[in-house]
């Protein structure tokens, strides 16, 4: 079978509208691989802001994806969670299933250093959670929950659920996953994590990790802290402004609010860690089949433009949505 000379990619061509476009596909050079996509994962948080053209102008440069094409606000080809099969490349990568921080596209050519083979015990269909797991790892590193601490995670989306899942594996840490949607209790139970709605959430917490993406969630997180407690903010609000209660307990109880963002490794880890090592860790942490519950739907690549407005809309309850690519003819 002759290798393809064109690829099909998903582009956000105007706010709240996407379409599939064809583009030339180059032959791989000696230090490159050609990948046929099997799956890609839809990141509801960041990709929703991109799809709705809500990336602040000040963040255009910092929020670029590694293989983004086009410019914010539109037209732009965006995404960073592709699982594919190496059809052409060096022997040590040929015939391997790999992860790549690539947008939604059926075929692509990238440098060999841009792909990482999946561990044998991590199936391709679950590896679409890799980028979310990376974000969760960074959040846990920034929160630094210690033995025996009381921790709440506000927001039971994919990232929040993964953060709670990781924290619950630290001996002695008491974790609660908090969400306004009571239906997320089933997800938490599946992952073995205590769940509560905001009115049930425990107070006097040592650390609260906020991942709901909503201002009310951040205000709740600050209200759950005990003296000298800390909030780790993992949400990105895009162009929105957030008002916070900084007059009462925040000052008198010496509370701390700090940001966690996956684009930068914590300073204390930078001498020993790099992005590739963190990515390899994220892949290794996806062996648990219970994590399949975080994938709430799957659709064909051809249907993505039609489904995107609902997936990225304000009323969406999707967790990780998986895009499935067709097999070669």
C-alpha atoms as a PDB file:
ATOM      1  CA  UNK A   1       0.000   0.000   0.000  1.00  0.00           C
ATOM      2  CA  UNK A   2       1.363   3.413  -0.957  1.00  0.00           C
ATOM      3  CA  UNK A   3       1.877   5.862   1.926  1.00  0.00           C
ATOM      4  CA  UNK A   4      -0.643   8.725   2.034  1.00  0.00           C
ATOM      5  CA  UNK A   5       0.377  12.098   0.647  1.00  0.00           C
ATOM      6  CA  UNK A   6      -2.404  14.037   2.383  1.00  0.00           C
ATOM      7  CA  UNK A   7      -3.749  14.178   5.920  1.00  0.00           C
ATOM      8  CA  UNK A   8      -7.082  15.295   7.356  1.00  0.00           C
ATOM      9  CA  UNK A   9      -7.108  17.558  10.411  1.00  0.00           C
ATOM     10  CA  UNK A  10      -9.708  19.236  12.631  1.00  0.00           C
ATOM     11  CA  UNK A  11      -9.521  23.045  12.545  1.00  0.00           C
ATOM     12  CA  UNK A  12     -11.431  25.628  14.558  1.00  0.00           C
ATOM     13  CA  UNK A  13     -12.144  27.984  11.672  1.00  0.00           C
ATOM     14  CA  UNK A  14     -14.250  30.509  13.573  1.00  0.00           C
ATOM     15  CA  UNK A  15     -15.578  30.775  17.141  1.00  0.00           C
ATOM     16  CA  UNK A  16     -17.741  27.763  18.049  1.00  0.00           C
ATOM     17  CA  UNK A  17     -17.278  26.150  14.648  1.00  0.00           C
ATOM     18  CA  UNK A  18     -14.875  23.481  13.422  1.00  0.00           C
ATOM     19  CA  UNK A  19     -14.311  21.583  10.207  1.00  0.00           C
ATOM     20  CA  UNK A  20     -12.083  18.900   8.721  1.00  0.00           C
ATOM     21  CA  UNK A  21      -9.446  20.103   6.286  1.00  0.00           C
ATOM     22  CA  UNK A  22      -6.998  18.254   4.077  1.00  0.00           C
ATOM     23  CA  UNK A  23      -3.343  19.230   3.985  1.00  0.00           C
ATOM     24  CA  UNK A  24      -0.162  17.842   2.363  1.00  0.00           C
ATOM     25  CA  UNK A  25       1.691  15.108   4.234  1.00  0.00           C
ATOM     26  CA  UNK A  26       5.453  15.100   3.778  1.00  0.00           C
ATOM     27  CA  UNK A  27       7.550  11.942   3.663  1.00  0.00           C
ATOM     28  CA  UNK A  28       9.460  11.408   6.912  1.00  0.00           C
ATOM     29  CA  UNK A  29      13.147  12.266   6.991  1.00  0.00           C
ATOM     30  CA  UNK A  30      15.759  10.046   8.615  1.00  0.00           C
ATOM     31  CA  UNK A  31      15.049  11.352  12.112  1.00  0.00           C
ATOM     32  CA  UNK A  32      11.251  11.419  11.753  1.00  0.00           C
ATOM     33  CA  UNK A  33       8.309   9.022  11.960  1.00  0.00           C
ATOM     34  CA  UNK A  34       5.011   8.827  10.112  1.00  0.00           C
ATOM     35  CA  UNK A  35       2.159   8.053  12.480  1.00  0.00           C
ATOM     36  CA  UNK A  36      -1.333   6.798  11.670  1.00  0.00           C
ATOM     37  CA  UNK A  37      -3.691   8.000  14.392  1.00  0.00           C
ATOM     38  CA  UNK A  38      -5.751   5.420  16.269  1.00  0.00           C
ATOM     39  CA  UNK A  39      -7.385   7.694  18.865  1.00  0.00           C
ATOM     40  CA  UNK A  40      -7.186  11.225  20.151  1.00  0.00           C
ATOM     41  CA  UNK A  41      -8.543  12.630  23.376  1.00  0.00           C
ATOM     42  CA  UNK A  42     -10.616  15.788  23.696  1.00  0.00           C
ATOM     43  CA  UNK A  43      -9.558  18.010  26.581  1.00  0.00           C
ATOM     44  CA  UNK A  44     -12.730  19.779  27.692  1.00  0.00           C
ATOM     45  CA  UNK A  45     -10.982  22.507  29.663  1.00  0.00           C
ATOM     46  CA  UNK A  46      -8.380  24.104  27.422  1.00  0.00           C
ATOM     47  CA  UNK A  47      -9.892  22.946  24.130  1.00  0.00           C
ATOM     48  CA  UNK A  48     -13.238  24.421  25.129  1.00  0.00           C
ATOM     49  CA  UNK A  49     -11.610  27.847  25.526  1.00  0.00           C
ATOM     50  CA  UNK A  50      -9.902  27.426  22.156  1.00  0.00           C
ATOM     51  CA  UNK A  51     -13.079  26.279  20.417  1.00  0.00           C
ATOM     52  CA  UNK A  52     -15.033  29.210  21.848  1.00  0.00           C
ATOM     53  CA  UNK A  53     -12.198  31.683  21.017  1.00  0.00           C
ATOM     54  CA  UNK A  54     -11.739  32.652  24.665  1.00  0.00           C
ATOM     55  CA  UNK A  55      -7.942  32.442  24.881  1.00  0.00           C
ATOM     56  CA  UNK A  56      -6.749  35.819  26.252  1.00  0.00           C
ATOM     57  CA  UNK A  57      -4.517  37.722  23.857  1.00  0.00           C
ATOM     58  CA  UNK A  58      -1.846  37.924  26.555  1.00  0.00           C
ATOM     59  CA  UNK A  59      -1.643  34.093  26.549  1.00  0.00           C
ATOM     60  CA  UNK A  60      -1.465  33.474  22.794  1.00  0.00           C
ATOM     61  CA  UNK A  61       2.204  32.556  22.933  1.00  0.00           C
ATOM     62  CA  UNK A  62       2.225  30.639  26.227  1.00  0.00           C
ATOM     63  CA  UNK A  63      -0.821  28.528  25.362  1.00  0.00           C
ATOM     64  CA  UNK A  64       0.440  27.268  22.011  1.00  0.00           C
ATOM     65  CA  UNK A  65       0.312  23.482  21.719  1.00  0.00           C
ATOM     66  CA  UNK A  66       3.558  21.770  20.589  1.00  0.00           C
ATOM     67  CA  UNK A  67       2.302  21.058  17.038  1.00  0.00           C
ATOM     68  CA  UNK A  68      -0.343  23.755  16.764  1.00  0.00           C
ATOM     69  CA  UNK A  69      -0.939  25.270  13.343  1.00  0.00           C
ATOM     70  CA  UNK A  70      -2.590  28.618  12.803  1.00  0.00           C
ATOM     71  CA  UNK A  71      -2.944  31.364  15.385  1.00  0.00           C
ATOM     72  CA  UNK A  72      -5.393  32.249  18.132  1.00  0.00           C
ATOM     73  CA  UNK A  73      -8.208  33.045  18.114  1.00  0.00           C
ATOM     74  CA  UNK A  74      -8.924  31.377  14.724  1.00  0.00           C
ATOM     75  CA  UNK A  75      -8.288  29.611  12.420  1.00  0.00           C
ATOM     76  CA  UNK A  76      -6.288  27.187  14.515  1.00  0.00           C
ATOM     77  CA  UNK A  77      -5.452  23.477  14.597  1.00  0.00           C
ATOM     78  CA  UNK A  78      -5.203  22.557  18.257  1.00  0.00           C
ATOM     79  CA  UNK A  79      -4.928  19.495  20.468  1.00  0.00           C
ATOM     80  CA  UNK A  80      -2.320  17.535  22.374  1.00  0.00           C
ATOM     81  CA  UNK A  81      -3.361  13.935  22.939  1.00  0.00           C
ATOM     82  CA  UNK A  82      -2.893  11.606  19.981  1.00  0.00           C
ATOM     83  CA  UNK A  83      -2.340   7.851  20.107  1.00  0.00           C
ATOM     84  CA  UNK A  84      -1.055   6.340  16.897  1.00  0.00           C
ATOM     85  CA  UNK A  85       0.762   3.572  15.122  1.00  0.00           C
ATOM     86  CA  UNK A  86       4.221   4.163  13.630  1.00  0.00           C
ATOM     87  CA  UNK A  87       4.028   3.145   9.968  1.00  0.00           C
ATOM     88  CA  UNK A  88       7.413   4.471   8.949  1.00  0.00           C
ATOM     89  CA  UNK A  89      10.499   5.302  10.996  1.00  0.00           C
ATOM     90  CA  UNK A  90      13.595   3.827  12.633  1.00  0.00           C
ATOM     91  CA  UNK A  91      13.546   0.153  13.637  1.00  0.00           C
ATOM     92  CA  UNK A  92      13.177   0.821  17.357  1.00  0.00           C
ATOM     93  CA  UNK A  93       9.904   2.714  16.759  1.00  0.00           C
ATOM     94  CA  UNK A  94       8.521   0.968  13.679  1.00  0.00           C
ATOM     95  CA  UNK A  95       5.311  -0.964  14.379  1.00  0.00           C
ATOM     96  CA  UNK A  96       4.997   0.614  17.844  1.00  0.00           C
ATOM     97  CA  UNK A  97       1.929   2.282  19.336  1.00  0.00           C
ATOM     98  CA  UNK A  98       2.949   5.721  20.573  1.00  0.00           C
ATOM     99  CA  UNK A  99       1.714   8.847  22.305  1.00  0.00           C
ATOM    100  CA  UNK A 100       2.271  12.272  20.763  1.00  0.00           C
ATOM    101  CA  UNK A 101       1.255  15.805  21.763  1.00  0.00           C
ATOM    102  CA  UNK A 102      -0.393  16.270  18.371  1.00  0.00           C
ATOM    103  CA  UNK A 103      -3.718  17.845  17.335  1.00  0.00           C
ATOM    104  CA  UNK A 104      -6.683  15.861  15.993  1.00  0.00           C
ATOM    105  CA  UNK A 105      -5.368  14.535  12.666  1.00  0.00           C
ATOM    106  CA  UNK A 106      -5.397  11.138  10.966  1.00  0.00           C
ATOM    107  CA  UNK A 107      -1.766  11.025   9.739  1.00  0.00           C
ATOM    108  CA  UNK A 108       1.225  13.128  10.753  1.00  0.00           C
ATOM    109  CA  UNK A 109       5.013  13.274  10.522  1.00  0.00           C
ATOM    110  CA  UNK A 110       7.003  14.339  13.588  1.00  0.00           C
ATOM    111  CA  UNK A 111      10.565  14.055  14.929  1.00  0.00           C
ATOM    112  CA  UNK A 112      11.365  10.750  16.632  1.00  0.00           C
ATOM    113  CA  UNK A 113      11.779  12.560  19.951  1.00  0.00           C
ATOM    114  CA  UNK A 114       8.166  13.729  19.842  1.00  0.00           C
ATOM    115  CA  UNK A 115       6.686  10.248  20.311  1.00  0.00           C
ATOM    116  CA  UNK A 116       6.828   7.895  23.268  1.00  0.00           C
ATOM    117  CA  UNK A 117       5.909   4.198  23.010  1.00  0.00           C
ATOM    118  CA  UNK A 118       3.064   3.015  25.225  1.00  0.00           C
ATOM    119  CA  UNK A 119       3.891   0.530  27.993  1.00  0.00           C
ATOM    120  CA  UNK A 120       2.770  -2.997  27.137  1.00  0.00           C
ATOM    121  CA  UNK A 121       0.100  -2.946  29.859  1.00  0.00           C
ATOM    122  CA  UNK A 122      -1.513   0.358  28.794  1.00  0.00           C
ATOM    123  CA  UNK A 123      -4.029  -0.077  25.939  1.00  0.00           C
ATOM    124  CA  UNK A 124      -4.243   2.553  23.223  1.00  0.00           C
ATOM    125  CA  UNK A 125      -7.894   3.336  23.981  1.00  0.00           C
ATOM    126  CA  UNK A 126      -7.007   4.310  27.596  1.00  0.00           C
ATOM    127  CA  UNK A 127      -3.876   6.243  26.672  1.00  0.00           C
ATOM    128  CA  UNK A 128      -6.055   9.176  25.555  1.00  0.00           C
ATOM    129  CA  UNK A 129      -5.989  10.098  29.268  1.00  0.00           C
ATOM    130  CA  UNK A 130      -2.226  10.708  29.143  1.00  0.00           C
ATOM    131  CA  UNK A 131      -2.308  14.501  28.829  1.00  0.00           C
ATOM    132  CA  UNK A 132      -4.866  14.754  31.638  1.00  0.00           C
ATOM    133  CA  UNK A 133      -2.740  12.462  33.808  1.00  0.00           C
ATOM    134  CA  UNK A 134       0.273  14.710  33.162  1.00  0.00           C
ATOM    135  CA  UNK A 135      -1.723  17.699  34.351  1.00  0.00           C
ATOM    136  CA  UNK A 136      -2.865  15.782  37.434  1.00  0.00           C
ATOM    137  CA  UNK A 137       0.702  14.741  38.268  1.00  0.00           C
ATOM    138  CA  UNK A 138       1.846  18.356  38.109  1.00  0.00           C
ATOM    139  CA  UNK A 139      -1.060  19.390  40.337  1.00  0.00           C
ATOM    140  CA  UNK A 140      -0.193  16.803  42.967  1.00  0.00           C
ATOM    141  CA  UNK A 141       3.460  17.852  42.832  1.00  0.00           C
ATOM    142  CA  UNK A 142       2.444  21.480  43.391  1.00  0.00           C
ATOM    143  CA  UNK A 143       0.027  20.590  46.200  1.00  0.00           C
ATOM    144  CA  UNK A 144       2.612  18.323  47.856  1.00  0.00           C
ATOM    145  CA  UNK A 145       0.107  16.462  50.099  1.00  0.00           C
ATOM    146  CA  UNK A 146       1.940  15.019  53.084  1.00  0.00           C
ATOM    147  CA  UNK A 147       1.302  11.869  55.110  1.00  0.00           C
ATOM    148  CA  UNK A 148      -1.924  12.183  57.080  1.00  0.00           C
ATOM    149  CA  UNK A 149      -3.139  15.454  55.556  1.00  0.00           C
ATOM    150  CA  UNK A 150      -6.793  16.244  54.917  1.00  0.00           C
ATOM    151  CA  UNK A 151      -7.323  17.105  51.249  1.00  0.00           C
ATOM    152  CA  UNK A 152     -10.367  18.077  49.208  1.00  0.00           C
ATOM    153  CA  UNK A 153     -10.413  18.167  45.415  1.00  0.00           C
ATOM    154  CA  UNK A 154     -13.128  20.509  44.105  1.00  0.00           C
ATOM    155  CA  UNK A 155     -14.338  19.566  40.630  1.00  0.00           C
ATOM    156  CA  UNK A 156     -14.924  15.965  39.565  1.00  0.00           C
ATOM    157  CA  UNK A 157     -13.978  16.373  35.924  1.00  0.00           C
ATOM    158  CA  UNK A 158     -11.213  14.263  34.424  1.00  0.00           C
ATOM    159  CA  UNK A 159      -8.335  16.251  35.928  1.00  0.00           C
ATOM    160  CA  UNK A 160      -9.973  16.601  39.333  1.00  0.00           C
ATOM    161  CA  UNK A 161     -10.835  12.915  39.490  1.00  0.00           C
ATOM    162  CA  UNK A 162      -7.277  11.965  38.516  1.00  0.00           C
ATOM    163  CA  UNK A 163      -5.818  14.296  41.152  1.00  0.00           C
ATOM    164  CA  UNK A 164      -8.043  12.738  43.818  1.00  0.00           C
ATOM    165  CA  UNK A 165      -7.149   9.257  42.555  1.00  0.00           C
ATOM    166  CA  UNK A 166      -3.423  10.007  42.908  1.00  0.00           C
ATOM    167  CA  UNK A 167      -3.739  11.694  46.310  1.00  0.00           C
ATOM    168  CA  UNK A 168      -5.756   8.757  47.664  1.00  0.00           C
ATOM    169  CA  UNK A 169      -2.766   6.485  47.039  1.00  0.00           C
ATOM    170  CA  UNK A 170      -0.560   8.452  49.460  1.00  0.00           C
ATOM    171  CA  UNK A 171      -0.626   6.661  52.849  1.00  0.00           C
ATOM    172  CA  UNK A 172      -2.716   8.377  55.476  1.00  0.00           C
ATOM    173  CA  UNK A 173      -4.059  11.138  53.218  1.00  0.00           C
ATOM    174  CA  UNK A 174      -7.818  11.684  53.650  1.00  0.00           C
ATOM    175  CA  UNK A 175      -9.259  12.718  50.285  1.00  0.00           C
ATOM    176  CA  UNK A 176     -12.744  13.910  49.376  1.00  0.00           C
ATOM    177  CA  UNK A 177     -13.843  14.615  45.795  1.00  0.00           C
ATOM    178  CA  UNK A 178     -16.349  17.491  45.702  1.00  0.00           C
ATOM    179  CA  UNK A 179     -18.731  18.348  42.860  1.00  0.00           C
ATOM    180  CA  UNK A 180     -22.089  20.045  42.383  1.00  0.00           C
ATOM    181  CA  UNK A 181     -23.262  17.131  40.225  1.00  0.00           C
ATOM    182  CA  UNK A 182     -24.369  14.298  42.524  1.00  0.00           C
ATOM    183  CA  UNK A 183     -24.127  11.860  39.605  1.00  0.00           C
ATOM    184  CA  UNK A 184     -20.338  12.090  39.897  1.00  0.00           C
ATOM    185  CA  UNK A 185     -20.586  10.070  43.108  1.00  0.00           C
ATOM    186  CA  UNK A 186     -20.707   6.878  41.022  1.00  0.00           C
ATOM    187  CA  UNK A 187     -17.427   7.841  39.327  1.00  0.00           C
ATOM    188  CA  UNK A 188     -15.778   8.580  42.670  1.00  0.00           C
ATOM    189  CA  UNK A 189     -16.977   5.272  44.110  1.00  0.00           C
ATOM    190  CA  UNK A 190     -15.630   3.437  41.083  1.00  0.00           C
ATOM    191  CA  UNK A 191     -12.218   5.004  41.764  1.00  0.00           C
ATOM    192  CA  UNK A 192     -12.450   4.288  45.493  1.00  0.00           C
ATOM    193  CA  UNK A 193     -12.651   7.954  46.558  1.00  0.00           C
ATOM    194  CA  UNK A 194     -15.163   9.454  49.068  1.00  0.00           C
ATOM    195  CA  UNK A 195     -17.504  11.929  47.366  1.00  0.00           C
ATOM    196  CA  UNK A 196     -19.554  14.858  48.615  1.00  0.00           C
ATOM    197  CA  UNK A 197     -21.532  17.785  47.268  1.00  0.00           C
ATOM    198  CA  UNK A 198     -20.423  21.321  48.284  1.00  0.00           C
ATOM    199  CA  UNK A 199     -22.789  21.541  51.240  1.00  0.00           C
ATOM    200  CA  UNK A 200     -21.437  18.230  52.570  1.00  0.00           C
ATOM    201  CA  UNK A 201     -17.757  19.054  52.076  1.00  0.00           C
ATOM    202  CA  UNK A 202     -15.555  18.841  55.186  1.00  0.00           C
ATOM    203  CA  UNK A 203     -13.887  21.995  56.489  1.00  0.00           C
ATOM    204  CA  UNK A 204     -10.585  22.579  58.304  1.00  0.00           C
ATOM    205  CA  UNK A 205      -8.715  21.101  55.364  1.00  0.00           C
ATOM    206  CA  UNK A 206      -4.931  21.242  55.083  1.00  0.00           C
ATOM    207  CA  UNK A 207      -5.056  21.526  51.301  1.00  0.00           C
ATOM    208  CA  UNK A 208      -7.786  22.047  48.705  1.00  0.00           C
ATOM    209  CA  UNK A 209      -7.049  21.481  45.026  1.00  0.00           C
ATOM    210  CA  UNK A 210      -9.450  23.344  42.759  1.00  0.00           C
ATOM    211  CA  UNK A 211     -10.204  21.951  39.289  1.00  0.00           C
ATOM    212  CA  UNK A 212     -13.831  22.858  38.575  1.00  0.00           C
ATOM    213  CA  UNK A 213     -13.138  25.750  36.204  1.00  0.00           C
ATOM    214  CA  UNK A 214     -15.858  27.781  37.953  1.00  0.00           C
ATOM    215  CA  UNK A 215     -15.420  30.854  40.188  1.00  0.00           C
ATOM    216  CA  UNK A 216     -17.903  29.432  42.722  1.00  0.00           C
ATOM    217  CA  UNK A 217     -15.688  26.365  42.977  1.00  0.00           C
ATOM    218  CA  UNK A 218     -12.640  28.454  43.828  1.00  0.00           C
ATOM    219  CA  UNK A 219     -14.570  30.418  46.457  1.00  0.00           C
ATOM    220  CA  UNK A 220     -15.766  27.121  47.956  1.00  0.00           C
ATOM    221  CA  UNK A 221     -12.194  25.804  47.986  1.00  0.00           C
ATOM    222  CA  UNK A 222     -11.001  28.805  49.999  1.00  0.00           C
ATOM    223  CA  UNK A 223     -13.853  28.359  52.460  1.00  0.00           C
ATOM    224  CA  UNK A 224     -12.880  24.755  53.211  1.00  0.00           C
ATOM    225  CA  UNK A 225      -9.375  25.550  54.449  1.00  0.00           C
ATOM    226  CA  UNK A 226      -8.165  25.497  58.018  1.00  0.00           C
ATOM    227  CA  UNK A 227      -5.589  27.852  59.508  1.00  0.00           C
ATOM    228  CA  UNK A 228      -2.479  28.188  57.276  1.00  0.00           C
ATOM    229  CA  UNK A 229      -4.185  25.993  54.660  1.00  0.00           C
ATOM    230  CA  UNK A 230      -3.408  26.179  50.973  1.00  0.00           C
ATOM    231  CA  UNK A 231      -5.454  26.209  47.763  1.00  0.00           C
ATOM    232  CA  UNK A 232      -3.865  24.924  44.580  1.00  0.00           C
ATOM    233  CA  UNK A 233      -5.641  26.438  41.572  1.00  0.00           C
ATOM    234  CA  UNK A 234      -5.607  24.145  38.530  1.00  0.00           C
ATOM    235  CA  UNK A 235      -8.413  25.789  36.560  1.00  0.00           C
ATOM    236  CA  UNK A 236      -7.837  28.198  33.724  1.00  0.00           C
ATOM    237  CA  UNK A 237     -10.518  30.848  33.376  1.00  0.00           C
ATOM    238  CA  UNK A 238      -9.464  32.227  30.014  1.00  0.00           C
ATOM    239  CA  UNK A 239     -10.699  35.775  29.560  1.00  0.00           C
ATOM    240  CA  UNK A 240     -12.908  35.696  32.648  1.00  0.00           C
ATOM    241  CA  UNK A 241     -12.337  37.686  35.852  1.00  0.00           C
ATOM    242  CA  UNK A 242     -12.887  36.036  39.244  1.00  0.00           C
ATOM    243  CA  UNK A 243     -13.844  37.811  42.470  1.00  0.00           C
ATOM    244  CA  UNK A 244     -12.538  36.238  45.671  1.00  0.00           C
ATOM    245  CA  UNK A 245     -13.239  36.717  49.394  1.00  0.00           C
ATOM    246  CA  UNK A 246      -9.827  38.014  50.454  1.00  0.00           C
ATOM    247  CA  UNK A 247     -10.998  40.126  53.385  1.00  0.00           C
ATOM    248  CA  UNK A 248     -11.885  37.647  56.136  1.00  0.00           C
ATOM    249  CA  UNK A 249     -10.339  34.287  56.845  1.00  0.00           C
ATOM    250  CA  UNK A 250      -7.944  34.544  53.916  1.00  0.00           C
ATOM    251  CA  UNK A 251      -5.942  37.220  55.740  1.00  0.00           C
ATOM    252  CA  UNK A 252      -6.477  36.321  59.389  1.00  0.00           C
ATOM    253  CA  UNK A 253      -5.780  32.595  58.895  1.00  0.00           C
ATOM    254  CA  UNK A 254      -2.805  33.192  56.580  1.00  0.00           C
ATOM    255  CA  UNK A 255      -4.252  31.127  53.736  1.00  0.00           C
ATOM    256  CA  UNK A 256      -2.279  30.511  50.556  1.00  0.00           C
ATOM    257  CA  UNK A 257      -3.546  30.514  46.958  1.00  0.00           C
ATOM    258  CA  UNK A 258      -1.111  29.294  44.304  1.00  0.00           C
ATOM    259  CA  UNK A 259      -1.372  28.250  40.664  1.00  0.00           C
ATOM    260  CA  UNK A 260      -0.511  24.937  39.071  1.00  0.00           C
ATOM    261  CA  UNK A 261      -0.028  24.817  35.321  1.00  0.00           C
ATOM    262  CA  UNK A 262       1.205  21.812  33.371  1.00  0.00           C
ATOM    263  CA  UNK A 263       3.282  23.889  30.956  1.00  0.00           C
ATOM    264  CA  UNK A 264       6.021  24.298  33.568  1.00  0.00           C
ATOM    265  CA  UNK A 265       7.592  21.795  35.937  1.00  0.00           C
ATOM    266  CA  UNK A 266       7.720  22.746  39.624  1.00  0.00           C
ATOM    267  CA  UNK A 267      10.987  24.558  40.316  1.00  0.00           C
ATOM    268  CA  UNK A 268      12.067  22.077  42.966  1.00  0.00           C
ATOM    269  CA  UNK A 269      11.932  19.208  40.437  1.00  0.00           C
ATOM    270  CA  UNK A 270      13.606  20.881  37.480  1.00  0.00           C
ATOM    271  CA  UNK A 271      17.152  19.749  38.346  1.00  0.00           C
ATOM    272  CA  UNK A 272      16.104  16.081  37.989  1.00  0.00           C
ATOM    273  CA  UNK A 273      12.946  16.025  35.874  1.00  0.00           C
ATOM    274  CA  UNK A 274      12.081  17.003  32.316  1.00  0.00           C
ATOM    275  CA  UNK A 275       8.874  16.853  30.289  1.00  0.00           C
ATOM    276  CA  UNK A 276       9.668  13.507  28.722  1.00  0.00           C
ATOM    277  CA  UNK A 277      10.269  11.869  32.102  1.00  0.00           C
ATOM    278  CA  UNK A 278       6.964  13.285  33.365  1.00  0.00           C
ATOM    279  CA  UNK A 279       5.172  12.031  30.243  1.00  0.00           C
ATOM    280  CA  UNK A 280       6.627   8.542  30.727  1.00  0.00           C
ATOM    281  CA  UNK A 281       5.363   8.595  34.322  1.00  0.00           C
ATOM    282  CA  UNK A 282       1.877   9.592  33.149  1.00  0.00           C
ATOM    283  CA  UNK A 283       1.795   6.626  30.778  1.00  0.00           C
ATOM    284  CA  UNK A 284       2.948   4.211  33.499  1.00  0.00           C
ATOM    285  CA  UNK A 285       0.194   5.413  35.808  1.00  0.00           C
ATOM    286  CA  UNK A 286      -2.535   4.431  33.318  1.00  0.00           C
ATOM    287  CA  UNK A 287      -2.399   0.680  33.967  1.00  0.00           C
ATOM    288  CA  UNK A 288      -5.495   0.702  36.228  1.00  0.00           C
ATOM    289  CA  UNK A 289      -8.542  -0.384  34.223  1.00  0.00           C
ATOM    290  CA  UNK A 290     -10.806   1.554  36.591  1.00  0.00           C
ATOM    291  CA  UNK A 291      -9.614   4.710  34.816  1.00  0.00           C
ATOM    292  CA  UNK A 292     -11.687   3.694  31.776  1.00  0.00           C
ATOM    293  CA  UNK A 293     -14.646   5.222  33.623  1.00  0.00           C
ATOM    294  CA  UNK A 294     -13.181   8.661  32.873  1.00  0.00           C
ATOM    295  CA  UNK A 295     -13.834   8.170  29.154  1.00  0.00           C
ATOM    296  CA  UNK A 296     -17.468   9.152  28.804  1.00  0.00           C
ATOM    297  CA  UNK A 297     -17.933   8.724  25.057  1.00  0.00           C
ATOM    298  CA  UNK A 298     -16.403   7.885  21.711  1.00  0.00           C
ATOM    299  CA  UNK A 299     -17.127   9.027  18.187  1.00  0.00           C
ATOM    300  CA  UNK A 300     -15.720   8.748  14.683  1.00  0.00           C
ATOM    301  CA  UNK A 301     -13.295  11.428  13.521  1.00  0.00           C
ATOM    302  CA  UNK A 302     -15.646  12.264  10.635  1.00  0.00           C
ATOM    303  CA  UNK A 303     -18.352  13.259  13.137  1.00  0.00           C
ATOM    304  CA  UNK A 304     -16.142  15.509  15.280  1.00  0.00           C
ATOM    305  CA  UNK A 305     -17.146  18.834  13.636  1.00  0.00           C
ATOM    306  CA  UNK A 306     -20.825  18.059  14.179  1.00  0.00           C
ATOM    307  CA  UNK A 307     -20.342  16.995  17.797  1.00  0.00           C
ATOM    308  CA  UNK A 308     -17.874  19.702  18.827  1.00  0.00           C
ATOM    309  CA  UNK A 309     -20.415  22.446  19.713  1.00  0.00           C
ATOM    310  CA  UNK A 310     -22.139  20.130  22.180  1.00  0.00           C
ATOM    311  CA  UNK A 311     -18.859  18.751  23.591  1.00  0.00           C
ATOM    312  CA  UNK A 312     -17.467  22.236  24.191  1.00  0.00           C
ATOM    313  CA  UNK A 313     -20.761  23.906  25.116  1.00  0.00           C
ATOM    314  CA  UNK A 314     -21.543  25.299  28.582  1.00  0.00           C
ATOM    315  CA  UNK A 315     -24.019  22.531  29.433  1.00  0.00           C
ATOM    316  CA  UNK A 316     -21.738  19.625  28.559  1.00  0.00           C
ATOM    317  CA  UNK A 317     -21.220  16.940  31.211  1.00  0.00           C
ATOM    318  CA  UNK A 318     -18.672  15.019  29.142  1.00  0.00           C
ATOM    319  CA  UNK A 319     -15.536  13.753  30.822  1.00  0.00           C
ATOM    320  CA  UNK A 320     -12.874  12.632  28.337  1.00  0.00           C
ATOM    321  CA  UNK A 321     -14.329  12.153  24.870  1.00  0.00           C
ATOM    322  CA  UNK A 322     -12.383   9.787  22.631  1.00  0.00           C
ATOM    323  CA  UNK A 323     -12.064  10.307  18.879  1.00  0.00           C
ATOM    324  CA  UNK A 324     -11.698   7.107  16.855  1.00  0.00           C
ATOM    325  CA  UNK A 325      -9.869   7.167  13.515  1.00  0.00           C
ATOM    326  CA  UNK A 326     -10.710   4.859  10.584  1.00  0.00           C
ATOM    327  CA  UNK A 327      -8.566   1.912   9.656  1.00  0.00           C
ATOM    328  CA  UNK A 328      -6.698   2.230   6.345  1.00  0.00           C
ATOM    329  CA  UNK A 329      -8.571   0.971   3.312  1.00  0.00           C
END
